[in-house]
Amino acid sequence: MVTLLIILGFVFTVVLAFRGVILANMLQYQLGVKKGALEVYYIVQVEAFTIGDSIFNLDNDNKLELYRSCINNIRHMYFSIFVVVILIFIHELT
């Protein structure tokens, strides 16, 4: 049972990672940033755990909503990684 949860958690994490890159690509396109999607993804990933404002010019509601979607996706991905690691520890203890 725990093994199944680990596999499902891993698949969920990979899906969230791909979704994050796709969202970052959309954000990069809407902002007109010259950097690539992965660079934008890493910048958003760093900003996901800070309280300050974004370095991007988020003057539009659509851009702000897409940015918040990227932030939430990254936070969910890190939470799922945490859950998978906990499940691995539980599996190793039993």
PDB file of N, CA and C in Angstrom:
ATOM      1  N   MET A   1       0.817  -1.198   0.000  1.00  0.00           N
ATOM      2  CA  MET A   1       0.000   0.000   0.000  1.00  0.00           C
ATOM      3  C   MET A   1       0.858   1.258   0.000  1.00  0.00           C
ATOM      4  N   VAL A   2       1.888   1.240   0.841  1.00  0.00           N
ATOM      5  CA  VAL A   2       2.778   2.402   0.902  1.00  0.00           C
ATOM      6  C   VAL A   2       3.544   2.549  -0.411  1.00  0.00           C
ATOM      7  N   THR A   3       3.908   1.425  -1.006  1.00  0.00           N
ATOM      8  CA  THR A   3       4.616   1.476  -2.289  1.00  0.00           C
ATOM      9  C   THR A   3       3.748   2.114  -3.366  1.00  0.00           C
ATOM     10  N   LEU A   4       2.480   1.779  -3.377  1.00  0.00           N
ATOM     11  CA  LEU A   4       1.560   2.380  -4.340  1.00  0.00           C
ATOM     12  C   LEU A   4       1.458   3.891  -4.125  1.00  0.00           C
ATOM     13  N   LEU A   5       1.388   4.316  -2.868  1.00  0.00           N
ATOM     14  CA  LEU A   5       1.336   5.749  -2.567  1.00  0.00           C
ATOM     15  C   LEU A   5       2.626   6.455  -2.982  1.00  0.00           C
ATOM     16  N   ILE A   6       3.750   5.794  -2.822  1.00  0.00           N
ATOM     17  CA  ILE A   6       5.025   6.374  -3.251  1.00  0.00           C
ATOM     18  C   ILE A   6       5.044   6.557  -4.758  1.00  0.00           C
ATOM     19  N   ILE A   7       4.600   5.550  -5.481  1.00  0.00           N
ATOM     20  CA  ILE A   7       4.571   5.630  -6.946  1.00  0.00           C
ATOM     21  C   ILE A   7       3.615   6.718  -7.404  1.00  0.00           C
ATOM     22  N   LEU A   8       2.421   6.769  -6.809  1.00  0.00           N
ATOM     23  CA  LEU A   8       1.467   7.818  -7.174  1.00  0.00           C
ATOM     24  C   LEU A   8       1.999   9.209  -6.823  1.00  0.00           C
ATOM     25  N   GLY A   9       2.654   9.333  -5.677  1.00  0.00           N
ATOM     26  CA  GLY A   9       3.243  10.618  -5.302  1.00  0.00           C
ATOM     27  C   GLY A   9       4.339  11.037  -6.260  1.00  0.00           C
ATOM     28  N   PHE A  10       5.152  10.079  -6.694  1.00  0.00           N
ATOM     29  CA  PHE A  10       6.211  10.383  -7.657  1.00  0.00           C
ATOM     30  C   PHE A  10       5.622  10.848  -8.986  1.00  0.00           C
ATOM     31  N   VAL A  11       4.609  10.151  -9.461  1.00  0.00           N
ATOM     32  CA  VAL A  11       3.962  10.532 -10.723  1.00  0.00           C
ATOM     33  C   VAL A  11       3.329  11.917 -10.594  1.00  0.00           C
ATOM     34  N   PHE A  12       2.663  12.176  -9.473  1.00  0.00           N
ATOM     35  CA  PHE A  12       2.043  13.481  -9.230  1.00  0.00           C
ATOM     36  C   PHE A  12       3.094  14.584  -9.217  1.00  0.00           C
ATOM     37  N   THR A  13       4.245  14.327  -8.604  1.00  0.00           N
ATOM     38  CA  THR A  13       5.324  15.314  -8.559  1.00  0.00           C
ATOM     39  C   THR A  13       5.871  15.598  -9.948  1.00  0.00           C
ATOM     40  N   VAL A  14       6.045  14.578 -10.755  1.00  0.00           N
ATOM     41  CA  VAL A  14       6.551  14.763 -12.118  1.00  0.00           C
ATOM     42  C   VAL A  14       5.543  15.555 -12.954  1.00  0.00           C
ATOM     43  N   VAL A  15       4.259  15.247 -12.796  1.00  0.00           N
ATOM     44  CA  VAL A  15       3.223  15.991 -13.521  1.00  0.00           C
ATOM     45  C   VAL A  15       3.240  17.461 -13.103  1.00  0.00           C
ATOM     46  N   LEU A  16       3.382  17.721 -11.813  1.00  0.00           N
ATOM     47  CA  LEU A  16       3.449  19.108 -11.343  1.00  0.00           C
ATOM     48  C   LEU A  16       4.692  19.823 -11.871  1.00  0.00           C
ATOM     49  N   ALA A  17       5.800  19.113 -11.983  1.00  0.00           N
ATOM     50  CA  ALA A  17       7.020  19.728 -12.522  1.00  0.00           C
ATOM     51  C   ALA A  17       6.820  20.124 -13.989  1.00  0.00           C
ATOM     52  N   PHE A  18       6.242  19.234 -14.783  1.00  0.00           N
ATOM     53  CA  PHE A  18       5.978  19.562 -16.185  1.00  0.00           C
ATOM     54  C   PHE A  18       4.971  20.700 -16.308  1.00  0.00           C
ATOM     55  N   ARG A  19       3.942  20.675 -15.453  1.00  0.00           N
ATOM     56  CA  ARG A  19       2.956  21.755 -15.468  1.00  0.00           C
ATOM     57  C   ARG A  19       3.611  23.088 -15.102  1.00  0.00           C
ATOM     58  N   GLY A  20       4.546  23.052 -14.158  1.00  0.00           N
ATOM     59  CA  GLY A  20       5.247  24.270 -13.766  1.00  0.00           C
ATOM     60  C   GLY A  20       6.061  24.866 -14.901  1.00  0.00           C
ATOM     61  N   VAL A  21       6.727  24.017 -15.662  1.00  0.00           N
ATOM     62  CA  VAL A  21       7.506  24.514 -16.798  1.00  0.00           C
ATOM     63  C   VAL A  21       6.577  25.076 -17.873  1.00  0.00           C
ATOM     64  N   ILE A  22       5.445  24.432 -18.092  1.00  0.00           N
ATOM     65  CA  ILE A  22       4.485  24.943 -19.078  1.00  0.00           C
ATOM     66  C   ILE A  22       3.927  26.289 -18.633  1.00  0.00           C
ATOM     67  N   LEU A  23       3.580  26.415 -17.348  1.00  0.00           N
ATOM     68  CA  LEU A  23       3.096  27.693 -16.834  1.00  0.00           C
ATOM     69  C   LEU A  23       4.169  28.776 -16.924  1.00  0.00           C
ATOM     70  N   ALA A  24       5.416  28.414 -16.632  1.00  0.00           N
ATOM     71  CA  ALA A  24       6.509  29.382 -16.743  1.00  0.00           C
ATOM     72  C   ALA A  24       6.716  29.805 -18.189  1.00  0.00           C
ATOM     73  N   ASN A  25       6.539  28.880 -19.120  1.00  0.00           N
ATOM     74  CA  ASN A  25       6.652  29.216 -20.531  1.00  0.00           C
ATOM     75  C   ASN A  25       5.555  30.194 -20.934  1.00  0.00           C
ATOM     76  N   MET A  26       4.330  29.963 -20.456  1.00  0.00           N
ATOM     77  CA  MET A  26       3.238  30.893 -20.749  1.00  0.00           C
ATOM     78  C   MET A  26       3.500  32.261 -20.129  1.00  0.00           C
ATOM     79  N   LEU A  27       4.021  32.272 -18.906  1.00  0.00           N
ATOM     80  CA  LEU A  27       4.334  33.533 -18.240  1.00  0.00           C
ATOM     81  C   LEU A  27       5.451  34.269 -18.968  1.00  0.00           C
ATOM     82  N   GLN A  28       6.443  33.535 -19.398  1.00  0.00           N
ATOM     83  CA  GLN A  28       7.555  34.136 -20.145  1.00  0.00           C
ATOM     84  C   GLN A  28       7.065  34.753 -21.438  1.00  0.00           C
ATOM     85  N   TYR A  29       6.140  34.080 -22.110  1.00  0.00           N
ATOM     86  CA  TYR A  29       5.590  34.592 -23.360  1.00  0.00           C
ATOM     87  C   TYR A  29       4.766  35.851 -23.118  1.00  0.00           C
ATOM     88  N   GLN A  30       3.928  35.845 -22.066  1.00  0.00           N
ATOM     89  CA  GLN A  30       3.085  37.003 -21.788  1.00  0.00           C
ATOM     90  C   GLN A  30       3.885  38.207 -21.319  1.00  0.00           C
ATOM     91  N   LEU A  31       4.962  37.960 -20.594  1.00  0.00           N
ATOM     92  CA  LEU A  31       5.778  39.067 -20.101  1.00  0.00           C
ATOM     93  C   LEU A  31       6.743  39.588 -21.153  1.00  0.00           C
ATOM     94  N   GLY A  32       7.018  38.786 -22.153  1.00  0.00           N
ATOM     95  CA  GLY A  32       7.966  39.194 -23.180  1.00  0.00           C
ATOM     96  C   GLY A  32       9.399  39.172 -22.686  1.00  0.00           C
ATOM     97  N   VAL A  33       9.693  38.267 -21.764  1.00  0.00           N
ATOM     98  CA  VAL A  33      11.037  38.154 -21.196  1.00  0.00           C
ATOM     99  C   VAL A  33      11.939  37.466 -22.203  1.00  0.00           C
ATOM    100  N   LYS A  34      13.162  37.973 -22.311  1.00  0.00           N
ATOM    101  CA  LYS A  34      14.109  37.394 -23.268  1.00  0.00           C
ATOM    102  C   LYS A  34      14.710  36.079 -22.780  1.00  0.00           C
ATOM    103  N   LYS A  35      14.666  35.831 -21.482  1.00  0.00           N
ATOM    104  CA  LYS A  35      15.224  34.591 -20.947  1.00  0.00           C
ATOM    105  C   LYS A  35      14.328  33.420 -21.328  1.00  0.00           C
ATOM    106  N   GLY A  36      14.851  32.227 -21.174  1.00  0.00           N
ATOM    107  CA  GLY A  36      14.090  31.030 -21.502  1.00  0.00           C
ATOM    108  C   GLY A  36      13.095  30.682 -20.417  1.00  0.00           C
ATOM    109  N   ALA A  37      12.276  29.694 -20.698  1.00  0.00           N
ATOM    110  CA  ALA A  37      11.221  29.297 -19.758  1.00  0.00           C
ATOM    111  C   ALA A  37      11.798  28.714 -18.479  1.00  0.00           C
ATOM    112  N   LEU A  38      12.903  27.967 -18.581  1.00  0.00           N
ATOM    113  CA  LEU A  38      13.484  27.387 -17.373  1.00  0.00           C
ATOM    114  C   LEU A  38      14.066  28.452 -16.451  1.00  0.00           C
ATOM    115  N   GLU A  39      14.653  29.506 -17.022  1.00  0.00           N
ATOM    116  CA  GLU A  39      15.159  30.600 -16.196  1.00  0.00           C
ATOM    117  C   GLU A  39      14.017  31.297 -15.475  1.00  0.00           C
ATOM    118  N   VAL A  40      12.915  31.530 -16.189  1.00  0.00           N
ATOM    119  CA  VAL A  40      11.730  32.138 -15.573  1.00  0.00           C
ATOM    120  C   VAL A  40      11.193  31.209 -14.490  1.00  0.00           C
ATOM    121  N   TYR A  41      11.192  29.901 -14.751  1.00  0.00           N
ATOM    122  CA  TYR A  41      10.713  28.928 -13.771  1.00  0.00           C
ATOM    123  C   TYR A  41      11.559  28.972 -12.509  1.00  0.00           C
ATOM    124  N   TYR A  42      12.888  29.070 -12.655  1.00  0.00           N
ATOM    125  CA  TYR A  42      13.763  29.125 -11.486  1.00  0.00           C
ATOM    126  C   TYR A  42      13.561  30.415 -10.700  1.00  0.00           C
ATOM    127  N   ILE A  43      13.353  31.526 -11.404  1.00  0.00           N
ATOM    128  CA  ILE A  43      13.106  32.800 -10.721  1.00  0.00           C
ATOM    129  C   ILE A  43      11.802  32.731  -9.938  1.00  0.00           C
ATOM    130  N   VAL A  44      10.760  32.198 -10.555  1.00  0.00           N
ATOM    131  CA  VAL A  44       9.473  32.058  -9.871  1.00  0.00           C
ATOM    132  C   VAL A  44       9.603  31.084  -8.707  1.00  0.00           C
ATOM    133  N   GLN A  45      10.420  30.053  -8.882  1.00  0.00           N
ATOM    134  CA  GLN A  45      10.627  29.068  -7.817  1.00  0.00           C
ATOM    135  C   GLN A  45      11.286  29.718  -6.602  1.00  0.00           C
ATOM    136  N   VAL A  46      12.228  30.607  -6.813  1.00  0.00           N
ATOM    137  CA  VAL A  46      12.855  31.320  -5.704  1.00  0.00           C
ATOM    138  C   VAL A  46      11.849  32.263  -5.058  1.00  0.00           C
ATOM    139  N   GLU A  47      11.044  32.930  -5.877  1.00  0.00           N
ATOM    140  CA  GLU A  47      10.062  33.876  -5.351  1.00  0.00           C
ATOM    141  C   GLU A  47       8.896  33.183  -4.659  1.00  0.00           C
ATOM    142  N   ALA A  48       8.734  31.884  -4.864  1.00  0.00           N
ATOM    143  CA  ALA A  48       7.608  31.167  -4.264  1.00  0.00           C
ATOM    144  C   ALA A  48       7.711  31.133  -2.743  1.00  0.00           C
ATOM    145  N   PHE A  49       8.907  31.249  -2.214  1.00  0.00           N
ATOM    146  CA  PHE A  49       9.084  31.151  -0.774  1.00  0.00           C
ATOM    147  C   PHE A  49       9.578  32.447  -0.157  1.00  0.00           C
ATOM    148  N   THR A  50       9.368  33.560  -0.856  1.00  0.00           N
ATOM    149  CA  THR A  50       9.689  34.869  -0.313  1.00  0.00           C
ATOM    150  C   THR A  50       8.404  35.666  -0.144  1.00  0.00           C
ATOM    151  N   ILE A  51       8.493  36.702   0.653  1.00  0.00           N
ATOM    152  CA  ILE A  51       7.321  37.529   0.920  1.00  0.00           C
ATOM    153  C   ILE A  51       7.313  38.773   0.050  1.00  0.00           C
ATOM    154  N   GLY A  52       8.453  39.142  -0.488  1.00  0.00           N
ATOM    155  CA  GLY A  52       8.560  40.368  -1.262  1.00  0.00           C
ATOM    156  C   GLY A  52       7.810  40.330  -2.576  1.00  0.00           C
ATOM    157  N   ASP A  53       7.860  41.432  -3.288  1.00  0.00           N
ATOM    158  CA  ASP A  53       7.192  41.541  -4.576  1.00  0.00           C
ATOM    159  C   ASP A  53       7.977  40.811  -5.655  1.00  0.00           C
ATOM    160  N   SER A  54       7.311  40.588  -6.765  1.00  0.00           N
ATOM    161  CA  SER A  54       7.924  39.910  -7.890  1.00  0.00           C
ATOM    162  C   SER A  54       8.850  40.869  -8.635  1.00  0.00           C
ATOM    163  N   ILE A  55       9.862  40.300  -9.288  1.00  0.00           N
ATOM    164  CA  ILE A  55      10.746  41.129 -10.109  1.00  0.00           C
ATOM    165  C   ILE A  55      10.134  41.407 -11.476  1.00  0.00           C
ATOM    166  N   PHE A  56       9.044  40.694 -11.785  1.00  0.00           N
ATOM    167  CA  PHE A  56       8.400  40.882 -13.075  1.00  0.00           C
ATOM    168  C   PHE A  56       7.447  42.058 -13.028  1.00  0.00           C
ATOM    169  N   ASN A  57       7.148  42.614 -14.187  1.00  0.00           N
ATOM    170  CA  ASN A  57       6.185  43.698 -14.302  1.00  0.00           C
ATOM    171  C   ASN A  57       4.802  43.083 -14.491  1.00  0.00           C
ATOM    172  N   LEU A  58       4.071  42.944 -13.383  1.00  0.00           N
ATOM    173  CA  LEU A  58       2.766  42.272 -13.414  1.00  0.00           C
ATOM    174  C   LEU A  58       1.661  43.317 -13.396  1.00  0.00           C
ATOM    175  N   ASP A  59       1.554  44.077 -14.490  1.00  0.00           N
ATOM    176  CA  ASP A  59       0.602  45.166 -14.564  1.00  0.00           C
ATOM    177  C   ASP A  59      -0.791  44.711 -14.991  1.00  0.00           C
ATOM    178  N   ASN A  60      -0.941  43.482 -15.375  1.00  0.00           N
ATOM    179  CA  ASN A  60      -2.192  42.962 -15.908  1.00  0.00           C
ATOM    180  C   ASN A  60      -2.726  41.879 -14.974  1.00  0.00           C
ATOM    181  N   ASP A  61      -4.042  41.787 -14.839  1.00  0.00           N
ATOM    182  CA  ASP A  61      -4.630  40.762 -13.979  1.00  0.00           C
ATOM    183  C   ASP A  61      -4.342  39.362 -14.492  1.00  0.00           C
ATOM    184  N   ASN A  62      -4.315  39.179 -15.813  1.00  0.00           N
ATOM    185  CA  ASN A  62      -4.027  37.858 -16.375  1.00  0.00           C
ATOM    186  C   ASN A  62      -2.599  37.422 -16.042  1.00  0.00           C
ATOM    187  N   LYS A  63      -1.672  38.356 -16.129  1.00  0.00           N
ATOM    188  CA  LYS A  63      -0.285  38.035 -15.787  1.00  0.00           C
ATOM    189  C   LYS A  63      -0.150  37.705 -14.309  1.00  0.00           C
ATOM    190  N   LEU A  64      -0.828  38.465 -13.464  1.00  0.00           N
ATOM    191  CA  LEU A  64      -0.772  38.227 -12.031  1.00  0.00           C
ATOM    192  C   LEU A  64      -1.396  36.881 -11.674  1.00  0.00           C
ATOM    193  N   GLU A  65      -2.500  36.542 -12.318  1.00  0.00           N
ATOM    194  CA  GLU A  65      -3.145  35.253 -12.061  1.00  0.00           C
ATOM    195  C   GLU A  65      -2.259  34.099 -12.520  1.00  0.00           C
ATOM    196  N   LEU A  66      -1.613  34.240 -13.665  1.00  0.00           N
ATOM    197  CA  LEU A  66      -0.711  33.203 -14.156  1.00  0.00           C
ATOM    198  C   LEU A  66       0.500  33.069 -13.236  1.00  0.00           C
ATOM    199  N   TYR A  67       1.014  34.192 -12.744  1.00  0.00           N
ATOM    200  CA  TYR A  67       2.146  34.171 -11.818  1.00  0.00           C
ATOM    201  C   TYR A  67       1.754  33.452 -10.527  1.00  0.00           C
ATOM    202  N   ARG A  68       0.575  33.762  -9.989  1.00  0.00           N
ATOM    203  CA  ARG A  68       0.112  33.102  -8.768  1.00  0.00           C
ATOM    204  C   ARG A  68      -0.119  31.614  -8.998  1.00  0.00           C
ATOM    205  N   SER A  69      -0.559  31.250 -10.193  1.00  0.00           N
ATOM    206  CA  SER A  69      -0.735  29.848 -10.524  1.00  0.00           C
ATOM    207  C   SER A  69       0.617  29.129 -10.532  1.00  0.00           C
ATOM    208  N   CYS A  70       1.638  29.786 -11.059  1.00  0.00           N
ATOM    209  CA  CYS A  70       2.993  29.213 -11.031  1.00  0.00           C
ATOM    210  C   CYS A  70       3.469  29.024  -9.592  1.00  0.00           C
ATOM    211  N   ILE A  71       3.227  30.036  -8.750  1.00  0.00           N
ATOM    212  CA  ILE A  71       3.644  29.971  -7.350  1.00  0.00           C
ATOM    213  C   ILE A  71       2.940  28.814  -6.637  1.00  0.00           C
ATOM    214  N   ASN A  72       1.634  28.716  -6.812  1.00  0.00           N
ATOM    215  CA  ASN A  72       0.886  27.634  -6.160  1.00  0.00           C
ATOM    216  C   ASN A  72       1.317  26.268  -6.658  1.00  0.00           C
ATOM    217  N   ASN A  73       1.601  26.159  -7.943  1.00  0.00           N
ATOM    218  CA  ASN A  73       2.063  24.888  -8.502  1.00  0.00           C
ATOM    219  C   ASN A  73       3.380  24.473  -7.860  1.00  0.00           C
ATOM    220  N   ILE A  74       4.296  25.411  -7.693  1.00  0.00           N
ATOM    221  CA  ILE A  74       5.593  25.095  -7.098  1.00  0.00           C
ATOM    222  C   ILE A  74       5.427  24.694  -5.638  1.00  0.00           C
ATOM    223  N   ARG A  75       4.574  25.391  -4.916  1.00  0.00           N
ATOM    224  CA  ARG A  75       4.351  25.032  -3.512  1.00  0.00           C
ATOM    225  C   ARG A  75       3.724  23.646  -3.390  1.00  0.00           C
ATOM    226  N   HIS A  76       2.780  23.323  -4.257  1.00  0.00           N
ATOM    227  CA  HIS A  76       2.181  21.985  -4.233  1.00  0.00           C
ATOM    228  C   HIS A  76       3.216  20.916  -4.584  1.00  0.00           C
ATOM    229  N   MET A  77       4.096  21.225  -5.521  1.00  0.00           N
ATOM    230  CA  MET A  77       5.117  20.263  -5.909  1.00  0.00           C
ATOM    231  C   MET A  77       6.051  19.971  -4.736  1.00  0.00           C
ATOM    232  N   TYR A  78       6.494  21.008  -4.031  1.00  0.00           N
ATOM    233  CA  TYR A  78       7.378  20.789  -2.884  1.00  0.00           C
ATOM    234  C   TYR A  78       6.663  20.031  -1.771  1.00  0.00           C
ATOM    235  N   PHE A  79       5.382  20.306  -1.565  1.00  0.00           N
ATOM    236  CA  PHE A  79       4.634  19.564  -0.560  1.00  0.00           C
ATOM    237  C   PHE A  79       4.528  18.095  -0.945  1.00  0.00           C
ATOM    238  N   SER A  80       4.288  17.800  -2.220  1.00  0.00           N
ATOM    239  CA  SER A  80       4.186  16.403  -2.646  1.00  0.00           C
ATOM    240  C   SER A  80       5.535  15.700  -2.530  1.00  0.00           C
ATOM    241  N   ILE A  81       6.624  16.416  -2.789  1.00  0.00           N
ATOM    242  CA  ILE A  81       7.953  15.819  -2.584  1.00  0.00           C
ATOM    243  C   ILE A  81       8.146  15.477  -1.114  1.00  0.00           C
ATOM    244  N   PHE A  82       7.732  16.377  -0.233  1.00  0.00           N
ATOM    245  CA  PHE A  82       7.827  16.134   1.210  1.00  0.00           C
ATOM    246  C   PHE A  82       7.024  14.901   1.607  1.00  0.00           C
ATOM    247  N   VAL A  83       5.810  14.773   1.090  1.00  0.00           N
ATOM    248  CA  VAL A  83       4.962  13.624   1.414  1.00  0.00           C
ATOM    249  C   VAL A  83       5.590  12.337   0.903  1.00  0.00           C
ATOM    250  N   VAL A  84       6.144  12.353  -0.290  1.00  0.00           N
ATOM    251  CA  VAL A  84       6.781  11.152  -0.836  1.00  0.00           C
ATOM    252  C   VAL A  84       7.979  10.746   0.016  1.00  0.00           C
ATOM    253  N   VAL A  85       8.768  11.699   0.456  1.00  0.00           N
ATOM    254  CA  VAL A  85       9.924  11.380   1.308  1.00  0.00           C
ATOM    255  C   VAL A  85       9.460  10.781   2.634  1.00  0.00           C
ATOM    256  N   ILE A  86       8.412  11.351   3.218  1.00  0.00           N
ATOM    257  CA  ILE A  86       7.864  10.789   4.455  1.00  0.00           C
ATOM    258  C   ILE A  86       7.364   9.365   4.229  1.00  0.00           C
ATOM    259  N   LEU A  87       6.695   9.136   3.101  1.00  0.00           N
ATOM    260  CA  LEU A  87       6.209   7.783   2.795  1.00  0.00           C
ATOM    261  C   LEU A  87       7.358   6.802   2.611  1.00  0.00           C
ATOM    262  N   ILE A  88       8.449   7.265   2.024  1.00  0.00           N
ATOM    263  CA  ILE A  88       9.625   6.389   1.872  1.00  0.00           C
ATOM    264  C   ILE A  88      10.198   6.026   3.237  1.00  0.00           C
ATOM    265  N   PHE A  89      10.258   7.002   4.137  1.00  0.00           N
ATOM    266  CA  PHE A  89      10.735   6.721   5.492  1.00  0.00           C
ATOM    267  C   PHE A  89       9.823   5.720   6.192  1.00  0.00           C
ATOM    268  N   ILE A  90       8.524   5.899   6.063  1.00  0.00           N
ATOM    269  CA  ILE A  90       7.570   4.966   6.665  1.00  0.00           C
ATOM    270  C   ILE A  90       7.742   3.570   6.087  1.00  0.00           C
ATOM    271  N   HIS A  91       7.934   3.525   4.769  1.00  0.00           N
ATOM    272  CA  HIS A  91       8.116   2.230   4.110  1.00  0.00           C
ATOM    273  C   HIS A  91       9.382   1.521   4.589  1.00  0.00           C
ATOM    274  N   GLU A  92      10.442   2.291   4.795  1.00  0.00           N
ATOM    275  CA  GLU A  92      11.690   1.699   5.253  1.00  0.00           C
ATOM    276  C   GLU A  92      11.606   1.229   6.715  1.00  0.00           C
ATOM    277  N   LEU A  93      10.780   1.887   7.507  1.00  0.00           N
ATOM    278  CA  LEU A  93      10.650   1.499   8.905  1.00  0.00           C
ATOM    279  C   LEU A  93       9.789   0.264   9.109  1.00  0.00           C
ATOM    280  N   THR A  94       8.904  -0.005   8.143  1.00  0.00           N
ATOM    281  CA  THR A  94       8.023  -1.167   8.318  1.00  0.00           C
ATOM    282  C   THR A  94       8.557  -2.389   7.642  1.00  0.00           C
TER     283      THR A  94
END
